[in-house]
PDB file of all heavy atoms in Angstrom:
ATOM      1  N   VAL A   1      86.973 107.749  99.881  1.00  0.00           N
ATOM      2  CA  VAL A   1      88.085 108.392 100.563  1.00  0.00           C
ATOM      3  C   VAL A   1      89.371 107.842  99.938  1.00  0.00           C
ATOM      4  O   VAL A   1      89.577 106.624  99.931  1.00  0.00           O
ATOM      5  CB  VAL A   1      88.066 108.112 102.079  1.00  0.00           C
ATOM      6  CG1 VAL A   1      89.250 108.806 102.767  1.00  0.00           C
ATOM      7  CG2 VAL A   1      86.747 108.576 102.685  1.00  0.00           C
ATOM      8  N   HIS A   2      90.209 108.739  99.428  1.00  0.00           N
ATOM      9  CA  HIS A   2      91.411 108.332  98.722  1.00  0.00           C
ATOM     10  C   HIS A   2      92.668 108.844  99.413  1.00  0.00           C
ATOM     11  O   HIS A   2      92.863 110.072  99.515  1.00  0.00           O
ATOM     12  CB  HIS A   2      91.388 108.832  97.277  1.00  0.00           C
ATOM     13  CG  HIS A   2      90.245 108.302  96.467  1.00  0.00           C
ATOM     14  ND1 HIS A   2      89.723 108.968  95.365  1.00  0.00           N
ATOM     15  CD2 HIS A   2      89.513 107.164  96.596  1.00  0.00           C
ATOM     16  CE1 HIS A   2      88.726 108.275  94.864  1.00  0.00           C
ATOM     17  NE2 HIS A   2      88.576 107.170  95.588  1.00  0.00           N
ATOM     18  N   ASP A   3      93.467 107.956  99.951  1.00  0.00           N
ATOM     19  CA  ASP A   3      94.780 108.271 100.517  1.00  0.00           C
ATOM     20  C   ASP A   3      94.720 109.488 101.436  1.00  0.00           C
ATOM     21  O   ASP A   3      95.481 110.437 101.291  1.00  0.00           O
ATOM     22  CB  ASP A   3      95.791 108.508  99.396  1.00  0.00           C
ATOM     23  CG  ASP A   3      97.232 108.432  99.912  1.00  0.00           C
ATOM     24  OD1 ASP A   3      97.478 107.719 100.890  1.00  0.00           O
ATOM     25  OD2 ASP A   3      98.099 109.119  99.337  1.00  0.00           O
ATOM     26  N   LEU A   4      93.855 109.434 102.418  1.00  0.00           N
ATOM     27  CA  LEU A   4      93.651 110.547 103.333  1.00  0.00           C
ATOM     28  C   LEU A   4      94.668 110.521 104.474  1.00  0.00           C
ATOM     29  O   LEU A   4      94.880 109.474 105.110  1.00  0.00           O
ATOM     30  CB  LEU A   4      92.221 110.505 103.885  1.00  0.00           C
ATOM     31  CG  LEU A   4      91.790 111.663 104.807  1.00  0.00           C
ATOM     32  CD1 LEU A   4      90.332 112.003 104.548  1.00  0.00           C
ATOM     33  CD2 LEU A   4      91.982 111.279 106.273  1.00  0.00           C
ATOM     34  N   TRP A   5      95.283 111.669 104.740  1.00  0.00           N
ATOM     35  CA  TRP A   5      96.211 111.854 105.866  1.00  0.00           C
ATOM     36  C   TRP A   5      95.788 113.105 106.623  1.00  0.00           C
ATOM     37  O   TRP A   5      95.307 114.078 106.030  1.00  0.00           O
ATOM     38  CB  TRP A   5      97.652 112.057 105.375  1.00  0.00           C
ATOM     39  CG  TRP A   5      98.257 110.885 104.646  1.00  0.00           C
ATOM     40  CD1 TRP A   5      97.847 110.349 103.463  1.00  0.00           C
ATOM     41  CD2 TRP A   5      99.396 110.128 105.044  1.00  0.00           C
ATOM     42  NE1 TRP A   5      98.644 109.303 103.102  1.00  0.00           N
ATOM     43  CE2 TRP A   5      99.622 109.138 104.055  1.00  0.00           C
ATOM     44  CE3 TRP A   5     100.258 110.182 106.159  1.00  0.00           C
ATOM     45  CZ2 TRP A   5     100.657 108.229 104.141  1.00  0.00           C
ATOM     46  CZ3 TRP A   5     101.299 109.277 106.228  1.00  0.00           C
ATOM     47  CH2 TRP A   5     101.499 108.304 105.248  1.00  0.00           C
ATOM     48  N   HIS A   6      95.984 113.095 107.939  1.00  0.00           N
ATOM     49  CA  HIS A   6      95.683 114.287 108.723  1.00  0.00           C
ATOM     50  C   HIS A   6      96.593 114.335 109.946  1.00  0.00           C
ATOM     51  O   HIS A   6      96.972 113.298 110.482  1.00  0.00           O
ATOM     52  CB  HIS A   6      94.219 114.292 109.170  1.00  0.00           C
ATOM     53  CG  HIS A   6      93.742 115.627 109.654  1.00  0.00           C
ATOM     54  ND1 HIS A   6      93.767 116.750 108.862  1.00  0.00           N
ATOM     55  CD2 HIS A   6      93.226 116.024 110.850  1.00  0.00           C
ATOM     56  CE1 HIS A   6      93.275 117.775 109.544  1.00  0.00           C
ATOM     57  NE2 HIS A   6      92.964 117.358 110.758  1.00  0.00           N
ATOM     58  N   ASP A   7      96.945 115.557 110.362  1.00  0.00           N
ATOM     59  CA  ASP A   7      97.800 115.719 111.546  1.00  0.00           C
ATOM     60  C   ASP A   7      97.398 116.983 112.272  1.00  0.00           C
ATOM     61  O   ASP A   7      96.682 117.834 111.753  1.00  0.00           O
ATOM     62  CB  ASP A   7      99.277 115.787 111.132  1.00  0.00           C
ATOM     63  CG  ASP A   7      99.586 117.034 110.305  1.00  0.00           C
ATOM     64  OD1 ASP A   7      99.728 118.132 110.877  1.00  0.00           O
ATOM     65  OD2 ASP A   7      99.677 116.916 109.060  1.00  0.00           O
ATOM     66  N   TYR A   8      97.867 117.096 113.513  1.00  0.00           N
ATOM     67  CA  TYR A   8      97.695 118.306 114.317  1.00  0.00           C
ATOM     68  C   TYR A   8      99.068 118.810 114.714  1.00  0.00           C
ATOM     69  O   TYR A   8      99.809 118.118 115.422  1.00  0.00           O
ATOM     70  CB  TYR A   8      96.861 118.012 115.570  1.00  0.00           C
ATOM     71  CG  TYR A   8      95.414 117.679 115.270  1.00  0.00           C
ATOM     72  CD1 TYR A   8      94.872 116.450 115.628  1.00  0.00           C
ATOM     73  CD2 TYR A   8      94.590 118.598 114.623  1.00  0.00           C
ATOM     74  CE1 TYR A   8      93.549 116.142 115.367  1.00  0.00           C
ATOM     75  CE2 TYR A   8      93.262 118.292 114.342  1.00  0.00           C
ATOM     76  CZ  TYR A   8      92.747 117.066 114.715  1.00  0.00           C
ATOM     77  OH  TYR A   8      91.436 116.776 114.435  1.00  0.00           O
ATOM     78  N   ASP A   9      99.414 119.994 114.208  1.00  0.00           N
ATOM     79  CA  ASP A   9     100.717 120.603 114.507  1.00  0.00           C
ATOM     80  C   ASP A   9     101.863 119.641 114.216  1.00  0.00           C
ATOM     81  O   ASP A   9     102.829 119.524 114.981  1.00  0.00           O
ATOM     82  CB  ASP A   9     100.782 121.047 115.971  1.00  0.00           C
ATOM     83  CG  ASP A   9      99.761 122.137 116.280  1.00  0.00           C
ATOM     84  OD1 ASP A   9      99.502 122.979 115.403  1.00  0.00           O
ATOM     85  OD2 ASP A   9      99.204 122.117 117.406  1.00  0.00           O
ATOM     86  N   GLY A  10     101.744 118.927 113.101  1.00  0.00           N
ATOM     87  CA  GLY A  10     102.806 118.023 112.671  1.00  0.00           C
ATOM     88  C   GLY A  10     102.746 116.638 113.268  1.00  0.00           C
ATOM     89  O   GLY A  10     103.511 115.760 112.866  1.00  0.00           O
ATOM     90  N   ALA A  11     101.856 116.395 114.241  1.00  0.00           N
ATOM     91  CA  ALA A  11     101.725 115.071 114.851  1.00  0.00           C
ATOM     92  C   ALA A  11     100.656 114.287 114.072  1.00  0.00           C
ATOM     93  O   ALA A  11      99.475 114.657 114.101  1.00  0.00           O
ATOM     94  CB  ALA A  11     101.329 115.181 116.316  1.00  0.00           C
ATOM     95  N   PRO A  12     101.034 113.210 113.391  1.00  0.00           N
ATOM     96  CA  PRO A  12     100.064 112.458 112.571  1.00  0.00           C
ATOM     97  C   PRO A  12      98.938 111.864 113.411  1.00  0.00           C
ATOM     98  O   PRO A  12      99.166 111.339 114.507  1.00  0.00           O
ATOM     99  CB  PRO A  12     100.917 111.356 111.942  1.00  0.00           C
ATOM    100  CG  PRO A  12     102.332 111.846 112.027  1.00  0.00           C
ATOM    101  CD  PRO A  12     102.390 112.665 113.284  1.00  0.00           C
ATOM    102  N   VAL A  13      97.721 111.945 112.889  1.00  0.00           N
ATOM    103  CA  VAL A  13      96.559 111.349 113.544  1.00  0.00           C
ATOM    104  C   VAL A  13      95.981 110.241 112.667  1.00  0.00           C
ATOM    105  O   VAL A  13      95.668 109.149 113.141  1.00  0.00           O
ATOM    106  CB  VAL A  13      95.477 112.412 113.836  1.00  0.00           C
ATOM    107  CG1 VAL A  13      94.231 111.773 114.456  1.00  0.00           C
ATOM    108  CG2 VAL A  13      96.031 113.494 114.751  1.00  0.00           C
ATOM    109  N   LEU A  14      95.838 110.517 111.387  1.00  0.00           N
ATOM    110  CA  LEU A  14      95.343 109.549 110.416  1.00  0.00           C
ATOM    111  C   LEU A  14      96.300 109.458 109.252  1.00  0.00           C
ATOM    112  O   LEU A  14      96.903 110.459 108.852  1.00  0.00           O
ATOM    113  CB  LEU A  14      93.956 109.954 109.908  1.00  0.00           C
ATOM    114  CG  LEU A  14      92.815 109.999 110.926  1.00  0.00           C
ATOM    115  CD1 LEU A  14      91.571 110.622 110.315  1.00  0.00           C
ATOM    116  CD2 LEU A  14      92.508 108.596 111.454  1.00  0.00           C
ATOM    117  N   GLU A  15      96.433 108.261 108.698  1.00  0.00           N
ATOM    118  CA  GLU A  15      97.293 108.092 107.525  1.00  0.00           C
ATOM    119  C   GLU A  15      96.746 106.961 106.657  1.00  0.00           C
ATOM    120  O   GLU A  15      96.132 106.009 107.135  1.00  0.00           O
ATOM    121  CB  GLU A  15      98.728 107.775 107.937  1.00  0.00           C
ATOM    122  CG  GLU A  15      98.900 106.471 108.725  1.00  0.00           C
ATOM    123  CD  GLU A  15     100.361 106.159 109.012  1.00  0.00           C
ATOM    124  OE1 GLU A  15     101.068 107.048 109.545  1.00  0.00           O
ATOM    125  OE2 GLU A  15     100.773 105.039 108.711  1.00  0.00           O
ATOM    126  N   ARG A  16      96.904 107.115 105.354  1.00  0.00           N
ATOM    127  CA  ARG A  16      96.573 106.087 104.373  1.00  0.00           C
ATOM    128  C   ARG A  16      95.164 105.525 104.537  1.00  0.00           C
ATOM    129  O   ARG A  16      94.942 104.336 104.512  1.00  0.00           O
ATOM    130  CB  ARG A  16      97.583 104.932 104.460  1.00  0.00           C
ATOM    131  CG  ARG A  16      99.026 105.366 104.165  1.00  0.00           C
ATOM    132  CD  ARG A  16      99.973 104.187 104.277  1.00  0.00           C
ATOM    133  NE  ARG A  16     100.008 103.673 105.647  1.00  0.00           N
ATOM    134  CZ  ARG A  16     100.431 102.435 105.966  1.00  0.00           C
ATOM    135  NH1 ARG A  16     100.787 101.605 105.026  1.00  0.00           N
ATOM    136  NH2 ARG A  16     100.444 102.066 107.238  1.00  0.00           N
ATOM    137  N   ILE A  17      94.175 106.444 104.682  1.00  0.00           N
ATOM    138  CA  ILE A  17      92.780 106.020 104.779  1.00  0.00           C
ATOM    139  C   ILE A  17      92.207 105.921 103.368  1.00  0.00           C
ATOM    140  O   ILE A  17      92.179 106.897 102.621  1.00  0.00           O
ATOM    141  CB  ILE A  17      91.940 107.021 105.603  1.00  0.00           C
ATOM    142  CG1 ILE A  17      92.516 107.171 107.016  1.00  0.00           C
ATOM    143  CG2 ILE A  17      90.488 106.582 105.629  1.00  0.00           C
ATOM    144  CD1 ILE A  17      92.366 105.964 107.884  1.00  0.00           C
ATOM    145  N   ASN A  18      91.760 104.725 103.014  1.00  0.00           N
ATOM    146  CA  ASN A  18      91.102 104.484 101.728  1.00  0.00           C
ATOM    147  C   ASN A  18      89.799 103.743 101.983  1.00  0.00           C
ATOM    148  O   ASN A  18      89.780 102.742 102.705  1.00  0.00           O
ATOM    149  CB  ASN A  18      91.998 103.660 100.806  1.00  0.00           C
ATOM    150  CG  ASN A  18      93.220 104.438 100.350  1.00  0.00           C
ATOM    151  OD1 ASN A  18      93.135 105.275  99.454  1.00  0.00           O
ATOM    152  ND2 ASN A  18      94.360 104.154 100.957  1.00  0.00           N
ATOM    153  N   LEU A  19      88.716 104.252 101.384  1.00  0.00           N
ATOM    154  CA  LEU A  19      87.409 103.712 101.738  1.00  0.00           C
ATOM    155  C   LEU A  19      86.428 103.949 100.594  1.00  0.00           C
ATOM    156  O   LEU A  19      86.437 105.005  99.967  1.00  0.00           O
ATOM    157  CB  LEU A  19      86.916 104.406 103.012  1.00  0.00           C
ATOM    158  CG  LEU A  19      85.737 103.834 103.768  1.00  0.00           C
ATOM    159  CD1 LEU A  19      86.034 102.436 104.294  1.00  0.00           C
ATOM    160  CD2 LEU A  19      85.365 104.759 104.928  1.00  0.00           C
ATOM    161  N   GLU A  20      85.583 102.964 100.325  1.00  0.00           N
ATOM    162  CA  GLU A  20      84.483 103.097  99.378  1.00  0.00           C
ATOM    163  C   GLU A  20      83.222 102.665 100.107  1.00  0.00           C
ATOM    164  O   GLU A  20      83.139 101.533 100.612  1.00  0.00           O
ATOM    165  CB  GLU A  20      84.706 102.210  98.142  1.00  0.00           C
ATOM    166  CG  GLU A  20      85.978 102.511  97.362  1.00  0.00           C
ATOM    167  CD  GLU A  20      85.916 103.817  96.600  1.00  0.00           C
ATOM    168  OE1 GLU A  20      84.775 104.268  96.307  1.00  0.00           O
ATOM    169  OE2 GLU A  20      86.972 104.387  96.292  1.00  0.00           O
ATOM    170  N   VAL A  21      82.226 103.530 100.171  1.00  0.00           N
ATOM    171  CA  VAL A  21      81.012 103.256 100.918  1.00  0.00           C
ATOM    172  C   VAL A  21      79.799 103.437 100.011  1.00  0.00           C
ATOM    173  O   VAL A  21      79.631 104.506  99.419  1.00  0.00           O
ATOM    174  CB  VAL A  21      80.900 104.178 102.156  1.00  0.00           C
ATOM    175  CG1 VAL A  21      79.599 103.929 102.896  1.00  0.00           C
ATOM    176  CG2 VAL A  21      82.092 103.964 103.091  1.00  0.00           C
ATOM    177  N   ASP A  22      78.959 102.418  99.945  1.00  0.00           N
ATOM    178  CA  ASP A  22      77.754 102.491  99.126  1.00  0.00           C
ATOM    179  C   ASP A  22      76.649 103.261  99.845  1.00  0.00           C
ATOM    180  O   ASP A  22      76.616 103.336 101.080  1.00  0.00           O
ATOM    181  CB  ASP A  22      77.254 101.082  98.795  1.00  0.00           C
ATOM    182  CG  ASP A  22      78.187 100.316  97.877  1.00  0.00           C
ATOM    183  OD1 ASP A  22      78.943 100.979  97.128  1.00  0.00           O
ATOM    184  OD2 ASP A  22      78.171  99.077  97.905  1.00  0.00           O
ATOM    185  N   GLU A  23      75.742 103.785  99.064  1.00  0.00           N
ATOM    186  CA  GLU A  23      74.586 104.494  99.606  1.00  0.00           C
ATOM    187  C   GLU A  23      73.812 103.607 100.567  1.00  0.00           C
ATOM    188  O   GLU A  23      73.579 102.432 100.303  1.00  0.00           O
ATOM    189  CB  GLU A  23      73.663 104.932  98.465  1.00  0.00           C
ATOM    190  CG  GLU A  23      72.541 105.835  98.861  1.00  0.00           C
ATOM    191  CD  GLU A  23      72.915 107.306  98.789  1.00  0.00           C
ATOM    192  OE1 GLU A  23      73.863 107.656  98.092  1.00  0.00           O
ATOM    193  OE2 GLU A  23      72.227 108.102  99.464  1.00  0.00           O
ATOM    194  N   GLY A  24      73.422 104.151 101.724  1.00  0.00           N
ATOM    195  CA  GLY A  24      72.595 103.418 102.665  1.00  0.00           C
ATOM    196  C   GLY A  24      73.336 102.506 103.602  1.00  0.00           C
ATOM    197  O   GLY A  24      72.712 101.790 104.385  1.00  0.00           O
ATOM    198  N   THR A  25      74.662 102.508 103.553  1.00  0.00           N
ATOM    199  CA  THR A  25      75.443 101.664 104.452  1.00  0.00           C
ATOM    200  C   THR A  25      75.454 102.255 105.855  1.00  0.00           C
ATOM    201  O   THR A  25      75.489 103.475 106.027  1.00  0.00           O
ATOM    202  CB  THR A  25      76.891 101.546 103.938  1.00  0.00           C
ATOM    203  OG1 THR A  25      76.889 100.990 102.623  1.00  0.00           O
ATOM    204  CG2 THR A  25      77.722 100.636 104.828  1.00  0.00           C
ATOM    205  N   PHE A  26      75.426 101.419 106.862  1.00  0.00           N
ATOM    206  CA  PHE A  26      75.537 101.848 108.265  1.00  0.00           C
ATOM    207  C   PHE A  26      76.922 101.423 108.737  1.00  0.00           C
ATOM    208  O   PHE A  26      77.142 100.269 109.092  1.00  0.00           O
ATOM    209  CB  PHE A  26      74.449 101.201 109.121  1.00  0.00           C
ATOM    210  CG  PHE A  26      74.248 101.850 110.462  1.00  0.00           C
ATOM    211  CD1 PHE A  26      72.976 102.206 110.892  1.00  0.00           C
ATOM    212  CD2 PHE A  26      75.314 102.095 111.317  1.00  0.00           C
ATOM    213  CE1 PHE A  26      72.771 102.799 112.141  1.00  0.00           C
ATOM    214  CE2 PHE A  26      75.137 102.706 112.555  1.00  0.00           C
ATOM    215  CZ  PHE A  26      73.846 103.047 112.968  1.00  0.00           C
ATOM    216  N   CYS A  27      77.869 102.367 108.744  1.00  0.00           N
ATOM    217  CA  CYS A  27      79.239 102.098 109.148  1.00  0.00           C
ATOM    218  C   CYS A  27      79.419 102.419 110.625  1.00  0.00           C
ATOM    219  O   CYS A  27      79.210 103.557 111.035  1.00  0.00           O
ATOM    220  CB  CYS A  27      80.231 102.943 108.339  1.00  0.00           C
ATOM    221  SG  CYS A  27      80.361 102.498 106.611  1.00  0.00           S
ATOM    222  N   THR A  28      79.780 101.434 111.414  1.00  0.00           N
ATOM    223  CA  THR A  28      80.164 101.696 112.797  1.00  0.00           C
ATOM    224  C   THR A  28      81.682 101.701 112.871  1.00  0.00           C
ATOM    225  O   THR A  28      82.359 100.919 112.196  1.00  0.00           O
ATOM    226  CB  THR A  28      79.568 100.639 113.746  1.00  0.00           C
ATOM    227  OG1 THR A  28      79.821  99.325 113.238  1.00  0.00           O
ATOM    228  CG2 THR A  28      78.080 100.840 113.903  1.00  0.00           C
ATOM    229  N   ILE A  29      82.226 102.605 113.698  1.00  0.00           N
ATOM    230  CA  ILE A  29      83.670 102.835 113.757  1.00  0.00           C
ATOM    231  C   ILE A  29      84.139 102.608 115.181  1.00  0.00           C
ATOM    232  O   ILE A  29      83.638 103.238 116.122  1.00  0.00           O
ATOM    233  CB  ILE A  29      84.013 104.270 113.310  1.00  0.00           C
ATOM    234  CG1 ILE A  29      83.490 104.525 111.896  1.00  0.00           C
ATOM    235  CG2 ILE A  29      85.522 104.508 113.377  1.00  0.00           C
ATOM    236  CD1 ILE A  29      83.617 105.975 111.440  1.00  0.00           C
ATOM    237  N   VAL A  30      85.086 101.698 115.368  1.00  0.00           N
ATOM    238  CA  VAL A  30      85.615 101.382 116.687  1.00  0.00           C
ATOM    239  C   VAL A  30      87.138 101.511 116.656  1.00  0.00           C
ATOM    240  O   VAL A  30      87.760 101.558 115.584  1.00  0.00           O
ATOM    241  CB  VAL A  30      85.212  99.966 117.149  1.00  0.00           C
ATOM    242  CG1 VAL A  30      83.701  99.842 117.234  1.00  0.00           C
ATOM    243  CG2 VAL A  30      85.789  98.898 116.220  1.00  0.00           C
ATOM    244  N   GLY A  31      87.736 101.538 117.833  1.00  0.00           N
ATOM    245  CA  GLY A  31      89.188 101.639 117.947  1.00  0.00           C
ATOM    246  C   GLY A  31      89.567 102.248 119.282  1.00  0.00           C
ATOM    247  O   GLY A  31      88.720 102.780 120.004  1.00  0.00           O
ATOM    248  N   ALA A  32      90.845 102.173 119.594  1.00  0.00           N
ATOM    249  CA  ALA A  32      91.338 102.708 120.860  1.00  0.00           C
ATOM    250  C   ALA A  32      91.156 104.219 120.915  1.00  0.00           C
ATOM    251  O   ALA A  32      91.068 104.901 119.883  1.00  0.00           O
ATOM    252  CB  ALA A  32      92.813 102.350 121.036  1.00  0.00           C
ATOM    253  N   SER A  33      91.111 104.756 122.136  1.00  0.00           N
ATOM    254  CA  SER A  33      91.023 106.211 122.305  1.00  0.00           C
ATOM    255  C   SER A  33      92.229 106.878 121.661  1.00  0.00           C
ATOM    256  O   SER A  33      93.355 106.390 121.762  1.00  0.00           O
ATOM    257  CB  SER A  33      90.965 106.564 123.799  1.00  0.00           C
ATOM    258  OG  SER A  33      89.811 106.052 124.393  1.00  0.00           O
ATOM    259  N   GLY A  34      91.988 108.000 120.984  1.00  0.00           N
ATOM    260  CA  GLY A  34      93.078 108.755 120.381  1.00  0.00           C
ATOM    261  C   GLY A  34      93.535 108.257 119.034  1.00  0.00           C
ATOM    262  O   GLY A  34      94.561 108.737 118.528  1.00  0.00           O
TER     263      GLY A  34
END
């Protein structure tokens, strides 16, 4: 994932996501609601 940004109707949701994931990795994702 290279420099990923996403928004809804101009309201940013994700910004500056960079990620490298190897085959077979089990990624768990946590964080506050929203």
